[in-house]
Amino acid sequence: MDPVSALFIFSGVIVLAASWIQLIITASREDFTWGLFALFLPPLAYFYALWEWDKASDAIKMAIAGVVLLGLGVA
C-alpha cells in the first residue's frame, strides 16, 4: 500500500467517525432515545439522518465524503 492510499483510507475513516459523532449529537438533541440508538447502533444513526434530512444533512454529506475517500484509497 502506497502512502497516498493509506492517507485516503485514514482520512476517510476519520471523516466517517466525525460524521457519526455529529449524528449522535444531532440525534441526542432531538430525542434521548434516538441518541442512544445512534450511539449503540451506528447504521440506525444514518437512517435517522435520512428521515430527519433538514437536521442532519451535514452529517450525511460528511459520511458521503468519507466513503468517497475510502473508495479512492482502496482503488
C-alpha atoms as a PDB file:
ATOM      1  CA  MET A   1       0.000   0.000   0.000  1.00  0.00           C
ATOM      2  CA  ASP A   2       1.467   3.292  -1.026  1.00  0.00           C
ATOM      3  CA  PRO A   3       1.370   6.323   1.294  1.00  0.00           C
ATOM      4  CA  VAL A   4      -1.274   8.164  -0.734  1.00  0.00           C
ATOM      5  CA  SER A   5      -3.724   5.266  -0.448  1.00  0.00           C
ATOM      6  CA  ALA A   6      -3.052   5.000   3.260  1.00  0.00           C
ATOM      7  CA  LEU A   7      -3.697   8.728   3.647  1.00  0.00           C
ATOM      8  CA  PHE A   8      -7.000   8.478   1.771  1.00  0.00           C
ATOM      9  CA  ILE A   9      -8.121   5.495   3.851  1.00  0.00           C
ATOM     10  CA  PHE A  10      -7.096   7.149   7.120  1.00  0.00           C
ATOM     11  CA  SER A  11      -8.801  10.407   6.155  1.00  0.00           C
ATOM     12  CA  GLY A  12     -11.942   8.544   5.123  1.00  0.00           C
ATOM     13  CA  VAL A  13     -12.131   6.728   8.442  1.00  0.00           C
ATOM     14  CA  ILE A  14     -11.633   9.984  10.370  1.00  0.00           C
ATOM     15  CA  VAL A  15     -14.337  11.775   8.351  1.00  0.00           C
ATOM     16  CA  LEU A  16     -16.757   8.848   8.824  1.00  0.00           C
ATOM     17  CA  ALA A  17     -16.114   8.824  12.569  1.00  0.00           C
ATOM     18  CA  ALA A  18     -16.667  12.585  12.746  1.00  0.00           C
ATOM     19  CA  SER A  19     -19.951  12.272  10.854  1.00  0.00           C
ATOM     20  CA  TRP A  20     -21.101   9.531  13.240  1.00  0.00           C
ATOM     21  CA  ILE A  21     -20.272  11.703  16.259  1.00  0.00           C
ATOM     22  CA  GLN A  22     -22.123  14.611  14.676  1.00  0.00           C
ATOM     23  CA  LEU A  23     -25.120  12.322  14.122  1.00  0.00           C
ATOM     24  CA  ILE A  24     -25.047  11.201  17.749  1.00  0.00           C
ATOM     25  CA  ILE A  25     -25.106  14.821  18.899  1.00  0.00           C
ATOM     26  CA  THR A  26     -27.905  15.741  16.485  1.00  0.00           C
ATOM     27  CA  ALA A  27     -29.991  12.709  17.415  1.00  0.00           C
ATOM     28  CA  SER A  28     -29.484  13.314  21.130  1.00  0.00           C
ATOM     29  CA  ARG A  29     -30.713  16.869  20.801  1.00  0.00           C
ATOM     30  CA  GLU A  30     -33.837  15.607  19.068  1.00  0.00           C
ATOM     31  CA  ASP A  31     -34.653  12.794  21.489  1.00  0.00           C
ATOM     32  CA  PHE A  32     -32.667  10.918  24.128  1.00  0.00           C
ATOM     33  CA  THR A  33     -33.801   7.566  22.726  1.00  0.00           C
ATOM     34  CA  TRP A  34     -32.570   8.428  19.239  1.00  0.00           C
ATOM     35  CA  GLY A  35     -29.247   9.419  20.771  1.00  0.00           C
ATOM     36  CA  LEU A  36     -28.902   6.026  22.446  1.00  0.00           C
ATOM     37  CA  PHE A  37     -29.851   4.199  19.263  1.00  0.00           C
ATOM     38  CA  ALA A  38     -27.323   6.264  17.304  1.00  0.00           C
ATOM     39  CA  LEU A  39     -24.631   5.528  19.876  1.00  0.00           C
ATOM     40  CA  PHE A  40     -25.120   1.767  20.119  1.00  0.00           C
ATOM     41  CA  LEU A  41     -26.404   1.042  16.580  1.00  0.00           C
ATOM     42  CA  PRO A  42     -24.423   3.233  14.157  1.00  0.00           C
ATOM     43  CA  PRO A  43     -26.314   2.153  10.991  1.00  0.00           C
ATOM     44  CA  LEU A  44     -29.527   3.300  12.637  1.00  0.00           C
ATOM     45  CA  ALA A  45     -27.964   6.743  13.073  1.00  0.00           C
ATOM     46  CA  TYR A  46     -27.693   7.098   9.308  1.00  0.00           C
ATOM     47  CA  PHE A  47     -31.318   6.011   8.860  1.00  0.00           C
ATOM     48  CA  TYR A  48     -32.272   8.685  11.377  1.00  0.00           C
ATOM     49  CA  ALA A  49     -30.334  11.224   9.331  1.00  0.00           C
ATOM     50  CA  LEU A  50     -32.204  10.251   6.188  1.00  0.00           C
ATOM     51  CA  TRP A  51     -35.549  10.629   7.986  1.00  0.00           C
ATOM     52  CA  GLU A  52     -34.540  13.975   9.515  1.00  0.00           C
ATOM     53  CA  TRP A  53     -32.668  15.354   6.499  1.00  0.00           C
ATOM     54  CA  ASP A  54     -33.206  19.007   7.436  1.00  0.00           C
ATOM     55  CA  LYS A  55     -31.450  18.497  10.788  1.00  0.00           C
ATOM     56  CA  ALA A  56     -28.731  16.035   9.834  1.00  0.00           C
ATOM     57  CA  SER A  57     -27.864  16.798   6.219  1.00  0.00           C
ATOM     58  CA  ASP A  58     -24.339  17.996   7.074  1.00  0.00           C
ATOM     59  CA  ALA A  59     -23.502  14.710   8.746  1.00  0.00           C
ATOM     60  CA  ILE A  60     -24.745  12.722   5.741  1.00  0.00           C
ATOM     61  CA  LYS A  61     -22.656  14.876   3.406  1.00  0.00           C
ATOM     62  CA  MET A  62     -19.622  14.215   5.615  1.00  0.00           C
ATOM     63  CA  ALA A  63     -20.343  10.476   5.526  1.00  0.00           C
ATOM     64  CA  ILE A  64     -20.544  10.527   1.735  1.00  0.00           C
ATOM     65  CA  ALA A  65     -17.205  12.358   1.601  1.00  0.00           C
ATOM     66  CA  GLY A  66     -15.704   9.739   3.915  1.00  0.00           C
ATOM     67  CA  VAL A  67     -16.950   6.887   1.752  1.00  0.00           C
ATOM     68  CA  VAL A  68     -15.532   8.606  -1.339  1.00  0.00           C
ATOM     69  CA  LEU A  69     -12.142   8.970   0.389  1.00  0.00           C
ATOM     70  CA  LEU A  70     -12.223   5.305   1.369  1.00  0.00           C
ATOM     71  CA  GLY A  71     -13.073   4.371  -2.203  1.00  0.00           C
ATOM     72  CA  LEU A  72     -10.182   6.413  -3.530  1.00  0.00           C
ATOM     73  CA  GLY A  73      -7.835   4.783  -1.052  1.00  0.00           C
ATOM     74  CA  VAL A  74      -8.904   1.256  -1.914  1.00  0.00           C
ATOM     75  CA  ALA A  75      -8.970   1.779  -5.690  1.00  0.00           C
END
